[in-house]
Amino acid sequence: MRERLGHPDQATTDKILDHLDRNCLAFLAHSPFLCLATSDGDGNADCSPRGDYPGFVRALDEKTIVLPDRLGNKLADSFRNILDNGHVGLVCFVPGMTETLRINGTAYVTDDPGLLAMLEQDHVTPSLATVITIDEVYLHCGRALVRSGLWDPEMQDLAAEVPSSGTIWAEASGYAPGVAQVIDDAMTGAYKTLY
């Protein structure tokens, strides 16, 4: 691998911190979306999207962040994995920013009332939260987002080329074709309740 890729230069490795500095804190305060990667005790991986108002990930101190659990599908894949294997990775995004913030560390699930109260949103307190102790944090270069054109408005036209969520869900579940529209209608209503 190293013969093919070479080694990172000193400037790349120097930016890897073991704590949140003021710039990382500012990034998190403006981030409304992240992807949370976990794996179970056997190493089977999962990656879950998480989103909320900017700053929904709270820094408890320079080494610790807390992530609220919001209304979702209740599969609890991330929670189950964290119980088996506490290692996690996050990629945090700020809309329009080319670079991302990567955080790696160890996590545990909590129902601590004090922490949960701090994470209340729209008068709804989460039932659980994930506390992460940071091992490393760094700004990741923006080449992937530049190549993808992720923030380019015209890229949103691609959504019209993908089957609807109802179609995907109905076919994966073996439902009759007419069920797809029922699911799409139900999902539109379900997204009105976010907390």
N, C-alpha and C. Protein backbone atom coordinates (compact mmCIF):
# COMPACT_ATOMS: atom_id res chain seq x y z
N MET A 1 0.82 -1.19 0.00
CA MET A 1 0.00 0.00 0.00
C MET A 1 0.86 1.25 0.00
N ARG A 2 1.86 1.29 0.88
CA ARG A 2 2.72 2.47 0.95
C ARG A 2 3.56 2.63 -0.31
N GLU A 3 3.92 1.52 -0.95
CA GLU A 3 4.65 1.64 -2.21
C GLU A 3 3.81 2.34 -3.25
N ARG A 4 2.51 2.09 -3.25
CA ARG A 4 1.61 2.71 -4.23
C ARG A 4 1.24 4.14 -3.85
N LEU A 5 0.95 4.38 -2.56
CA LEU A 5 0.44 5.68 -2.12
C LEU A 5 1.51 6.64 -1.64
N GLY A 6 2.60 6.12 -1.14
CA GLY A 6 3.58 6.96 -0.48
C GLY A 6 3.16 7.22 0.96
N HIS A 7 3.78 8.19 1.60
CA HIS A 7 3.51 8.50 3.00
C HIS A 7 2.96 9.92 3.12
N PRO A 8 2.13 10.18 4.13
CA PRO A 8 1.65 11.55 4.33
C PRO A 8 2.80 12.48 4.70
N ASP A 9 2.69 13.74 4.29
CA ASP A 9 3.75 14.67 4.65
C ASP A 9 3.54 15.15 6.09
N GLN A 10 4.53 15.82 6.61
CA GLN A 10 4.51 16.26 8.00
C GLN A 10 3.35 17.20 8.30
N ALA A 11 3.03 18.06 7.34
CA ALA A 11 1.93 19.00 7.55
C ALA A 11 0.60 18.27 7.73
N THR A 12 0.44 17.14 7.05
CA THR A 12 -0.80 16.37 7.17
C THR A 12 -0.90 15.72 8.55
N THR A 13 0.17 15.15 9.03
CA THR A 13 0.11 14.48 10.34
C THR A 13 0.11 15.48 11.48
N ASP A 14 0.71 16.65 11.28
CA ASP A 14 0.76 17.66 12.35
C ASP A 14 -0.63 18.18 12.72
N LYS A 15 -1.58 18.14 11.78
CA LYS A 15 -2.91 18.70 12.05
C LYS A 15 -3.78 17.75 12.86
N ILE A 16 -3.35 16.52 13.09
CA ILE A 16 -4.15 15.56 13.85
C ILE A 16 -3.98 15.86 15.34
N LEU A 17 -5.08 16.23 15.99
CA LEU A 17 -5.07 16.58 17.40
C LEU A 17 -5.69 15.47 18.23
N ASP A 18 -5.48 15.53 19.54
CA ASP A 18 -6.14 14.58 20.44
C ASP A 18 -7.20 15.28 21.28
N HIS A 19 -7.60 16.47 20.83
CA HIS A 19 -8.59 17.27 21.57
C HIS A 19 -9.22 18.28 20.62
N LEU A 20 -10.30 18.89 21.06
CA LEU A 20 -10.95 19.95 20.30
C LEU A 20 -10.29 21.28 20.59
N ASP A 21 -9.75 21.92 19.57
CA ASP A 21 -9.25 23.28 19.76
C ASP A 21 -10.38 24.25 19.39
N ARG A 22 -10.11 25.55 19.41
CA ARG A 22 -11.16 26.53 19.17
C ARG A 22 -11.74 26.41 17.77
N ASN A 23 -10.93 26.00 16.79
CA ASN A 23 -11.41 25.86 15.43
C ASN A 23 -12.34 24.65 15.29
N CYS A 24 -11.99 23.55 15.94
CA CYS A 24 -12.86 22.37 15.93
C CYS A 24 -14.19 22.69 16.61
N LEU A 25 -14.14 23.43 17.70
CA LEU A 25 -15.36 23.81 18.40
C LEU A 25 -16.26 24.67 17.51
N ALA A 26 -15.65 25.60 16.77
CA ALA A 26 -16.42 26.45 15.86
C ALA A 26 -17.04 25.61 14.75
N PHE A 27 -16.31 24.64 14.26
CA PHE A 27 -16.83 23.77 13.21
C PHE A 27 -18.05 23.02 13.74
N LEU A 28 -17.92 22.38 14.90
CA LEU A 28 -19.05 21.63 15.47
C LEU A 28 -20.25 22.52 15.74
N ALA A 29 -20.01 23.74 16.17
CA ALA A 29 -21.10 24.65 16.48
C ALA A 29 -21.92 25.01 15.24
N HIS A 30 -21.35 24.81 14.05
CA HIS A 30 -22.03 25.16 12.81
C HIS A 30 -22.41 23.93 11.97
N SER A 31 -22.18 22.75 12.52
CA SER A 31 -22.44 21.52 11.77
C SER A 31 -23.83 20.97 12.08
N PRO A 32 -24.69 20.83 11.04
CA PRO A 32 -26.02 20.26 11.25
C PRO A 32 -26.11 18.78 10.86
N PHE A 33 -24.99 18.18 10.38
CA PHE A 33 -25.07 16.82 9.85
C PHE A 33 -23.74 16.10 10.02
N LEU A 34 -23.83 14.81 10.34
CA LEU A 34 -22.64 13.97 10.42
C LEU A 34 -23.00 12.54 10.07
N CYS A 35 -21.98 11.75 9.83
CA CYS A 35 -22.13 10.30 9.67
C CYS A 35 -21.37 9.65 10.81
N LEU A 36 -22.02 8.70 11.49
CA LEU A 36 -21.45 8.00 12.64
C LEU A 36 -21.14 6.57 12.23
N ALA A 37 -19.87 6.19 12.28
CA ALA A 37 -19.45 4.84 11.95
C ALA A 37 -19.18 4.05 13.23
N THR A 38 -19.74 2.84 13.27
CA THR A 38 -19.54 1.94 14.41
C THR A 38 -19.29 0.54 13.86
N SER A 39 -18.89 -0.38 14.73
CA SER A 39 -18.81 -1.79 14.34
C SER A 39 -19.08 -2.64 15.56
N ASP A 40 -19.58 -3.84 15.31
CA ASP A 40 -19.90 -4.73 16.43
C ASP A 40 -18.65 -5.46 16.89
N GLY A 41 -18.80 -6.38 17.83
CA GLY A 41 -17.67 -7.09 18.40
C GLY A 41 -16.93 -7.95 17.39
N ASP A 42 -17.60 -8.33 16.28
CA ASP A 42 -16.96 -9.12 15.23
C ASP A 42 -16.39 -8.26 14.12
N GLY A 43 -16.52 -6.94 14.25
CA GLY A 43 -15.98 -6.04 13.24
C GLY A 43 -16.93 -5.72 12.11
N ASN A 44 -18.18 -6.16 12.18
CA ASN A 44 -19.16 -5.82 11.16
C ASN A 44 -19.52 -4.34 11.28
N ALA A 45 -19.35 -3.60 10.20
CA ALA A 45 -19.45 -2.14 10.25
C ALA A 45 -20.84 -1.63 9.92
N ASP A 46 -21.11 -0.43 10.41
CA ASP A 46 -22.36 0.27 10.14
C ASP A 46 -22.04 1.76 10.10
N CYS A 47 -22.76 2.49 9.28
CA CYS A 47 -22.59 3.94 9.23
C CYS A 47 -23.98 4.57 9.20
N SER A 48 -24.22 5.51 10.10
CA SER A 48 -25.56 6.06 10.29
C SER A 48 -25.53 7.58 10.17
N PRO A 49 -26.46 8.16 9.38
CA PRO A 49 -26.53 9.63 9.30
C PRO A 49 -27.20 10.20 10.54
N ARG A 50 -26.71 11.35 10.98
CA ARG A 50 -27.31 12.07 12.12
C ARG A 50 -27.39 13.54 11.77
N GLY A 51 -28.54 14.14 12.03
CA GLY A 51 -28.67 15.55 11.71
C GLY A 51 -29.64 16.26 12.64
N ASP A 52 -29.41 17.55 12.79
CA ASP A 52 -30.25 18.39 13.64
C ASP A 52 -29.81 19.84 13.43
N TYR A 53 -30.32 20.72 14.24
CA TYR A 53 -29.89 22.11 14.14
C TYR A 53 -28.37 22.21 14.32
N PRO A 54 -27.72 23.18 13.67
CA PRO A 54 -26.28 23.35 13.85
C PRO A 54 -25.92 23.41 15.34
N GLY A 55 -24.89 22.70 15.70
CA GLY A 55 -24.45 22.65 17.09
C GLY A 55 -25.11 21.56 17.90
N PHE A 56 -25.83 20.63 17.25
CA PHE A 56 -26.50 19.57 18.00
C PHE A 56 -25.52 18.64 18.69
N VAL A 57 -24.30 18.54 18.17
CA VAL A 57 -23.24 17.83 18.89
C VAL A 57 -22.64 18.82 19.88
N ARG A 58 -22.70 18.47 21.16
CA ARG A 58 -22.24 19.39 22.20
C ARG A 58 -20.88 18.95 22.74
N ALA A 59 -20.00 19.90 22.91
CA ALA A 59 -18.71 19.63 23.55
C ALA A 59 -18.87 19.79 25.06
N LEU A 60 -18.56 18.73 25.79
CA LEU A 60 -18.60 18.81 27.25
C LEU A 60 -17.29 19.38 27.79
N ASP A 61 -16.21 19.08 27.10
CA ASP A 61 -14.89 19.64 27.36
C ASP A 61 -14.06 19.38 26.11
N GLU A 62 -12.76 19.66 26.15
CA GLU A 62 -11.95 19.55 24.94
C GLU A 62 -11.73 18.11 24.49
N LYS A 63 -12.07 17.14 25.33
CA LYS A 63 -11.88 15.73 24.98
C LYS A 63 -13.18 14.95 24.86
N THR A 64 -14.33 15.60 25.11
CA THR A 64 -15.58 14.86 25.21
C THR A 64 -16.70 15.59 24.49
N ILE A 65 -17.45 14.84 23.66
CA ILE A 65 -18.64 15.38 23.02
C ILE A 65 -19.82 14.46 23.32
N VAL A 66 -21.02 15.01 23.17
CA VAL A 66 -22.23 14.21 23.38
C VAL A 66 -23.15 14.43 22.19
N LEU A 67 -23.74 13.33 21.73
CA LEU A 67 -24.58 13.30 20.54
C LEU A 67 -25.97 12.82 20.93
N PRO A 68 -27.01 13.64 20.76
CA PRO A 68 -28.35 13.22 21.15
C PRO A 68 -28.91 12.17 20.19
N ASP A 69 -29.75 11.29 20.72
CA ASP A 69 -30.49 10.37 19.87
C ASP A 69 -31.82 11.03 19.54
N ARG A 70 -32.14 11.14 18.27
CA ARG A 70 -33.39 11.74 17.85
C ARG A 70 -34.30 10.68 17.24
N LEU A 71 -35.54 11.05 17.04
CA LEU A 71 -36.54 10.17 16.46
C LEU A 71 -36.02 9.56 15.16
N GLY A 72 -36.09 8.22 15.07
CA GLY A 72 -35.60 7.53 13.88
C GLY A 72 -36.30 6.19 13.70
N ASN A 73 -35.58 5.24 13.11
CA ASN A 73 -36.20 3.96 12.76
C ASN A 73 -36.20 2.93 13.89
N LYS A 74 -35.55 3.22 14.99
CA LYS A 74 -35.52 2.36 16.18
C LYS A 74 -34.80 1.03 15.98
N LEU A 75 -34.01 0.92 14.90
CA LEU A 75 -33.20 -0.29 14.74
C LEU A 75 -32.09 -0.36 15.79
N ALA A 76 -31.59 0.81 16.22
CA ALA A 76 -30.56 0.91 17.27
C ALA A 76 -29.27 0.22 16.89
N ASP A 77 -28.93 0.20 15.59
CA ASP A 77 -27.69 -0.44 15.15
C ASP A 77 -26.47 0.19 15.81
N SER A 78 -26.41 1.51 15.83
CA SER A 78 -25.24 2.18 16.42
C SER A 78 -25.14 1.88 17.91
N PHE A 79 -26.26 1.94 18.62
CA PHE A 79 -26.23 1.65 20.06
C PHE A 79 -25.77 0.22 20.32
N ARG A 80 -26.31 -0.73 19.58
CA ARG A 80 -25.92 -2.12 19.80
C ARG A 80 -24.43 -2.31 19.52
N ASN A 81 -23.94 -1.68 18.47
CA ASN A 81 -22.52 -1.79 18.16
C ASN A 81 -21.66 -1.16 19.25
N ILE A 82 -22.06 0.01 19.73
CA ILE A 82 -21.29 0.68 20.77
C ILE A 82 -21.23 -0.16 22.04
N LEU A 83 -22.31 -0.87 22.35
CA LEU A 83 -22.30 -1.75 23.51
C LEU A 83 -21.32 -2.90 23.33
N ASP A 84 -21.14 -3.37 22.08
CA ASP A 84 -20.20 -4.45 21.78
C ASP A 84 -18.77 -3.96 21.64
N ASN A 85 -18.63 -2.79 21.00
CA ASN A 85 -17.30 -2.29 20.62
C ASN A 85 -17.39 -0.77 20.62
N GLY A 86 -16.82 -0.14 21.59
CA GLY A 86 -17.01 1.30 21.78
C GLY A 86 -16.30 2.21 20.81
N HIS A 87 -15.54 1.66 19.87
CA HIS A 87 -14.81 2.52 18.93
C HIS A 87 -15.76 3.11 17.90
N VAL A 88 -15.67 4.43 17.69
CA VAL A 88 -16.54 5.13 16.74
C VAL A 88 -15.72 6.09 15.90
N GLY A 89 -16.28 6.45 14.76
CA GLY A 89 -15.71 7.48 13.90
C GLY A 89 -16.83 8.37 13.41
N LEU A 90 -16.58 9.67 13.35
CA LEU A 90 -17.56 10.64 12.86
C LEU A 90 -16.95 11.45 11.74
N VAL A 91 -17.76 11.76 10.75
CA VAL A 91 -17.41 12.75 9.74
C VAL A 91 -18.49 13.82 9.81
N CYS A 92 -18.10 15.03 10.17
CA CYS A 92 -19.04 16.14 10.37
C CYS A 92 -18.97 17.10 9.19
N PHE A 93 -20.12 17.62 8.79
CA PHE A 93 -20.23 18.50 7.63
C PHE A 93 -20.81 19.85 8.02
N VAL A 94 -20.35 20.89 7.33
CA VAL A 94 -20.97 22.21 7.38
C VAL A 94 -21.39 22.52 5.94
N PRO A 95 -22.68 22.77 5.69
CA PRO A 95 -23.14 23.02 4.32
C PRO A 95 -22.33 24.12 3.65
N GLY A 96 -21.89 23.84 2.43
CA GLY A 96 -21.12 24.80 1.66
C GLY A 96 -19.63 24.77 1.94
N MET A 97 -19.20 24.09 2.99
CA MET A 97 -17.77 24.01 3.30
C MET A 97 -17.18 22.77 2.64
N THR A 98 -16.06 22.93 2.01
CA THR A 98 -15.43 21.85 1.27
C THR A 98 -14.82 20.80 2.19
N GLU A 99 -14.21 21.22 3.28
CA GLU A 99 -13.56 20.28 4.19
C GLU A 99 -14.56 19.72 5.20
N THR A 100 -14.23 18.56 5.75
CA THR A 100 -15.04 17.93 6.79
C THR A 100 -14.19 17.80 8.05
N LEU A 101 -14.85 17.57 9.17
CA LEU A 101 -14.15 17.36 10.43
C LEU A 101 -14.30 15.90 10.82
N ARG A 102 -13.19 15.22 11.01
CA ARG A 102 -13.21 13.82 11.39
C ARG A 102 -12.88 13.69 12.88
N ILE A 103 -13.65 12.86 13.55
CA ILE A 103 -13.44 12.60 14.98
C ILE A 103 -13.45 11.09 15.19
N ASN A 104 -12.43 10.57 15.83
CA ASN A 104 -12.36 9.16 16.20
C ASN A 104 -12.20 9.07 17.71
N GLY A 105 -12.86 8.07 18.29
CA GLY A 105 -12.76 7.93 19.74
C GLY A 105 -13.51 6.72 20.24
N THR A 106 -13.77 6.73 21.52
CA THR A 106 -14.53 5.65 22.16
C THR A 106 -15.81 6.23 22.74
N ALA A 107 -16.86 5.40 22.71
CA ALA A 107 -18.19 5.91 23.06
C ALA A 107 -18.89 5.00 24.05
N TYR A 108 -19.87 5.58 24.72
CA TYR A 108 -20.81 4.81 25.52
C TYR A 108 -22.18 5.47 25.43
N VAL A 109 -23.20 4.68 25.69
CA VAL A 109 -24.58 5.16 25.63
C VAL A 109 -25.01 5.56 27.04
N THR A 110 -25.73 6.67 27.16
CA THR A 110 -26.15 7.15 28.47
C THR A 110 -27.61 7.59 28.47
N ASP A 111 -28.21 7.48 29.66
CA ASP A 111 -29.53 8.07 29.89
C ASP A 111 -29.46 9.06 31.05
N ASP A 112 -28.27 9.63 31.26
CA ASP A 112 -28.05 10.60 32.33
C ASP A 112 -29.00 11.78 32.17
N PRO A 113 -29.89 12.03 33.16
CA PRO A 113 -30.89 13.09 33.03
C PRO A 113 -30.29 14.47 32.78
N GLY A 114 -29.17 14.76 33.41
CA GLY A 114 -28.55 16.07 33.22
C GLY A 114 -28.08 16.29 31.80
N LEU A 115 -27.43 15.28 31.23
CA LEU A 115 -26.98 15.39 29.85
C LEU A 115 -28.15 15.47 28.89
N LEU A 116 -29.15 14.63 29.12
CA LEU A 116 -30.31 14.60 28.23
C LEU A 116 -31.05 15.94 28.25
N ALA A 117 -31.17 16.54 29.41
CA ALA A 117 -31.85 17.84 29.51
C ALA A 117 -31.12 18.90 28.70
N MET A 118 -29.79 18.81 28.68
CA MET A 118 -28.97 19.76 27.93
C MET A 118 -29.21 19.63 26.42
N LEU A 119 -29.70 18.47 25.99
CA LEU A 119 -29.87 18.18 24.57
C LEU A 119 -31.31 18.36 24.08
N GLU A 120 -32.16 18.93 24.94
CA GLU A 120 -33.56 19.15 24.56
C GLU A 120 -33.65 20.01 23.31
N GLN A 121 -34.56 19.65 22.44
CA GLN A 121 -34.79 20.43 21.23
C GLN A 121 -36.29 20.48 20.96
N ASP A 122 -36.81 21.64 20.69
CA ASP A 122 -38.24 21.83 20.42
C ASP A 122 -39.11 21.18 21.50
N HIS A 123 -38.70 21.35 22.74
CA HIS A 123 -39.41 20.86 23.93
C HIS A 123 -39.43 19.33 24.03
N VAL A 124 -38.52 18.66 23.33
CA VAL A 124 -38.43 17.20 23.40
C VAL A 124 -37.03 16.83 23.89
N THR A 125 -36.98 16.08 24.99
CA THR A 125 -35.72 15.60 25.55
C THR A 125 -35.45 14.20 25.02
N PRO A 126 -34.25 13.94 24.49
CA PRO A 126 -33.98 12.59 23.99
C PRO A 126 -33.98 11.57 25.12
N SER A 127 -34.27 10.32 24.77
CA SER A 127 -34.25 9.24 25.76
C SER A 127 -32.85 8.74 26.03
N LEU A 128 -31.98 8.84 25.03
CA LEU A 128 -30.60 8.36 25.13
C LEU A 128 -29.67 9.33 24.42
N ALA A 129 -28.40 9.21 24.73
CA ALA A 129 -27.37 10.00 24.05
C ALA A 129 -26.09 9.17 24.00
N THR A 130 -25.21 9.56 23.11
CA THR A 130 -23.91 8.90 22.96
C THR A 130 -22.83 9.88 23.41
N VAL A 131 -22.03 9.47 24.38
CA VAL A 131 -20.90 10.26 24.85
C VAL A 131 -19.64 9.70 24.22
N ILE A 132 -18.85 10.58 23.62
CA ILE A 132 -17.64 10.16 22.90
C ILE A 132 -16.42 10.84 23.50
N THR A 133 -15.43 10.03 23.88
CA THR A 133 -14.13 10.53 24.32
C THR A 133 -13.23 10.55 23.10
N ILE A 134 -12.67 11.69 22.80
CA ILE A 134 -11.92 11.90 21.56
C ILE A 134 -10.51 11.34 21.67
N ASP A 135 -10.14 10.52 20.68
CA ASP A 135 -8.76 10.06 20.53
C ASP A 135 -8.03 10.93 19.52
N GLU A 136 -8.72 11.24 18.42
CA GLU A 136 -8.11 12.12 17.41
C GLU A 136 -9.20 12.89 16.68
N VAL A 137 -8.82 14.08 16.27
CA VAL A 137 -9.73 14.96 15.53
C VAL A 137 -8.91 15.78 14.54
N TYR A 138 -9.44 15.90 13.32
CA TYR A 138 -8.73 16.71 12.34
C TYR A 138 -9.61 17.10 11.17
N LEU A 139 -9.22 18.18 10.52
CA LEU A 139 -9.88 18.65 9.31
C LEU A 139 -9.42 17.77 8.16
N HIS A 140 -10.41 17.23 7.42
CA HIS A 140 -10.10 16.36 6.29
C HIS A 140 -10.19 17.17 5.00
N CYS A 141 -9.24 16.95 4.11
CA CYS A 141 -9.19 17.73 2.87
C CYS A 141 -10.48 17.57 2.08
N GLY A 142 -10.79 18.56 1.24
CA GLY A 142 -12.07 18.63 0.56
C GLY A 142 -12.13 18.02 -0.82
N ARG A 143 -11.14 17.25 -1.22
CA ARG A 143 -11.14 16.74 -2.60
C ARG A 143 -12.37 15.90 -2.90
N ALA A 144 -12.80 15.06 -1.96
CA ALA A 144 -13.96 14.19 -2.21
C ALA A 144 -15.21 15.03 -2.45
N LEU A 145 -15.41 16.08 -1.66
CA LEU A 145 -16.59 16.91 -1.84
C LEU A 145 -16.50 17.74 -3.11
N VAL A 146 -15.29 18.18 -3.47
CA VAL A 146 -15.12 18.93 -4.71
C VAL A 146 -15.39 18.02 -5.90
N ARG A 147 -14.82 16.81 -5.89
CA ARG A 147 -15.05 15.87 -7.00
C ARG A 147 -16.52 15.53 -7.14
N SER A 148 -17.21 15.37 -6.00
CA SER A 148 -18.62 14.95 -6.04
C SER A 148 -19.56 16.09 -6.43
N GLY A 149 -19.11 17.33 -6.24
CA GLY A 149 -20.00 18.47 -6.47
C GLY A 149 -21.16 18.50 -5.48
N LEU A 150 -20.94 17.95 -4.29
CA LEU A 150 -22.02 17.77 -3.33
C LEU A 150 -22.82 19.03 -3.05
N TRP A 151 -22.14 20.17 -2.96
CA TRP A 151 -22.85 21.40 -2.62
C TRP A 151 -23.34 22.16 -3.84
N ASP A 152 -23.10 21.66 -5.05
CA ASP A 152 -23.54 22.36 -6.25
C ASP A 152 -25.05 22.20 -6.41
N PRO A 153 -25.80 23.29 -6.54
CA PRO A 153 -27.27 23.20 -6.63
C PRO A 153 -27.76 22.27 -7.75
N GLU A 154 -27.06 22.26 -8.88
CA GLU A 154 -27.52 21.42 -9.99
C GLU A 154 -27.40 19.93 -9.69
N MET A 155 -26.58 19.57 -8.71
CA MET A 155 -26.45 18.15 -8.34
C MET A 155 -27.74 17.62 -7.70
N GLN A 156 -28.58 18.52 -7.19
CA GLN A 156 -29.83 18.07 -6.58
C GLN A 156 -30.79 17.48 -7.61
N ASP A 157 -30.55 17.75 -8.89
CA ASP A 157 -31.38 17.16 -9.94
C ASP A 157 -31.24 15.63 -9.97
N LEU A 158 -30.15 15.12 -9.43
CA LEU A 158 -29.94 13.67 -9.43
C LEU A 158 -31.01 12.94 -8.63
N ALA A 159 -31.60 13.59 -7.64
CA ALA A 159 -32.61 12.94 -6.80
C ALA A 159 -33.81 12.47 -7.63
N ALA A 160 -34.11 13.18 -8.70
CA ALA A 160 -35.25 12.79 -9.55
C ALA A 160 -34.96 11.52 -10.34
N GLU A 161 -33.70 11.12 -10.42
CA GLU A 161 -33.32 9.93 -11.18
C GLU A 161 -33.33 8.67 -10.32
N VAL A 162 -33.53 8.82 -9.03
CA VAL A 162 -33.51 7.68 -8.09
C VAL A 162 -34.94 7.27 -7.78
N PRO A 163 -35.22 5.96 -7.68
CA PRO A 163 -36.58 5.55 -7.29
C PRO A 163 -36.96 6.17 -5.94
N SER A 164 -38.25 6.38 -5.73
CA SER A 164 -38.70 6.98 -4.48
C SER A 164 -38.39 6.04 -3.31
N SER A 165 -38.39 6.60 -2.11
CA SER A 165 -38.14 5.76 -0.93
C SER A 165 -39.21 4.69 -0.79
N GLY A 166 -40.44 5.02 -1.16
CA GLY A 166 -41.51 4.03 -1.11
C GLY A 166 -41.26 2.87 -2.06
N THR A 167 -40.78 3.19 -3.26
CA THR A 167 -40.47 2.14 -4.24
C THR A 167 -39.36 1.24 -3.73
N ILE A 168 -38.30 1.85 -3.22
CA ILE A 168 -37.17 1.06 -2.71
C ILE A 168 -37.63 0.18 -1.56
N TRP A 169 -38.37 0.75 -0.62
CA TRP A 169 -38.84 0.02 0.56
C TRP A 169 -39.78 -1.11 0.16
N ALA A 170 -40.74 -0.81 -0.72
CA ALA A 170 -41.73 -1.82 -1.12
C ALA A 170 -41.07 -2.99 -1.83
N GLU A 171 -40.16 -2.71 -2.75
CA GLU A 171 -39.50 -3.79 -3.48
C GLU A 171 -38.60 -4.61 -2.56
N ALA A 172 -37.85 -3.96 -1.66
CA ALA A 172 -36.98 -4.69 -0.74
C ALA A 172 -37.78 -5.58 0.19
N SER A 173 -38.99 -5.15 0.54
CA SER A 173 -39.83 -5.91 1.47
C SER A 173 -40.74 -6.91 0.78
N GLY A 174 -40.75 -6.91 -0.56
CA GLY A 174 -41.59 -7.84 -1.29
C GLY A 174 -43.05 -7.45 -1.33
N TYR A 175 -43.36 -6.16 -1.13
CA TYR A 175 -44.74 -5.70 -1.16
C TYR A 175 -45.21 -5.53 -2.61
N ALA A 176 -46.51 -5.51 -2.78
CA ALA A 176 -47.10 -5.26 -4.10
C ALA A 176 -46.71 -3.86 -4.57
N PRO A 177 -46.58 -3.66 -5.91
CA PRO A 177 -46.15 -2.36 -6.43
C PRO A 177 -46.98 -1.18 -5.95
N GLY A 178 -48.28 -1.35 -5.76
CA GLY A 178 -49.12 -0.25 -5.33
C GLY A 178 -48.82 0.26 -3.93
N VAL A 179 -48.11 -0.53 -3.15
CA VAL A 179 -47.79 -0.14 -1.78
C VAL A 179 -46.75 0.99 -1.76
N ALA A 180 -45.98 1.11 -2.82
CA ALA A 180 -44.93 2.13 -2.86
C ALA A 180 -45.49 3.53 -2.63
N GLN A 181 -46.59 3.86 -3.29
CA GLN A 181 -47.18 5.19 -3.14
C GLN A 181 -47.72 5.40 -1.74
N VAL A 182 -48.28 4.34 -1.16
CA VAL A 182 -48.78 4.42 0.22
C VAL A 182 -47.63 4.75 1.17
N ILE A 183 -46.50 4.10 0.97
CA ILE A 183 -45.31 4.36 1.81
C ILE A 183 -44.82 5.78 1.60
N ASP A 184 -44.74 6.22 0.34
CA ASP A 184 -44.29 7.59 0.08
C ASP A 184 -45.19 8.61 0.77
N ASP A 185 -46.50 8.40 0.69
CA ASP A 185 -47.44 9.32 1.35
C ASP A 185 -47.25 9.30 2.86
N ALA A 186 -47.06 8.10 3.41
CA ALA A 186 -46.87 7.97 4.87
C ALA A 186 -45.57 8.62 5.32
N MET A 187 -44.51 8.48 4.52
CA MET A 187 -43.22 9.06 4.89
C MET A 187 -43.28 10.58 4.86
N THR A 188 -44.03 11.14 3.91
CA THR A 188 -44.17 12.60 3.85
C THR A 188 -44.81 13.09 5.15
N GLY A 189 -45.81 12.40 5.63
CA GLY A 189 -46.44 12.77 6.90
C GLY A 189 -45.54 12.52 8.08
N ALA A 190 -44.77 11.43 8.04
CA ALA A 190 -43.89 11.08 9.17
C ALA A 190 -42.80 12.13 9.35
N TYR A 191 -42.32 12.73 8.27
CA TYR A 191 -41.23 13.70 8.37
C TYR A 191 -41.69 15.03 8.98
N LYS A 192 -42.99 15.19 9.17
CA LYS A 192 -43.47 16.39 9.84
C LYS A 192 -43.19 16.33 11.34
N THR A 193 -42.98 15.12 11.87
CA THR A 193 -42.62 14.94 13.28
C THR A 193 -41.14 14.59 13.34
N LEU A 194 -40.32 15.53 13.76
CA LEU A 194 -38.86 15.33 13.75
C LEU A 194 -38.30 15.03 15.13
N TYR A 195 -39.06 15.29 16.18
CA TYR A 195 -38.54 15.08 17.54
C TYR A 195 -39.49 14.26 18.37
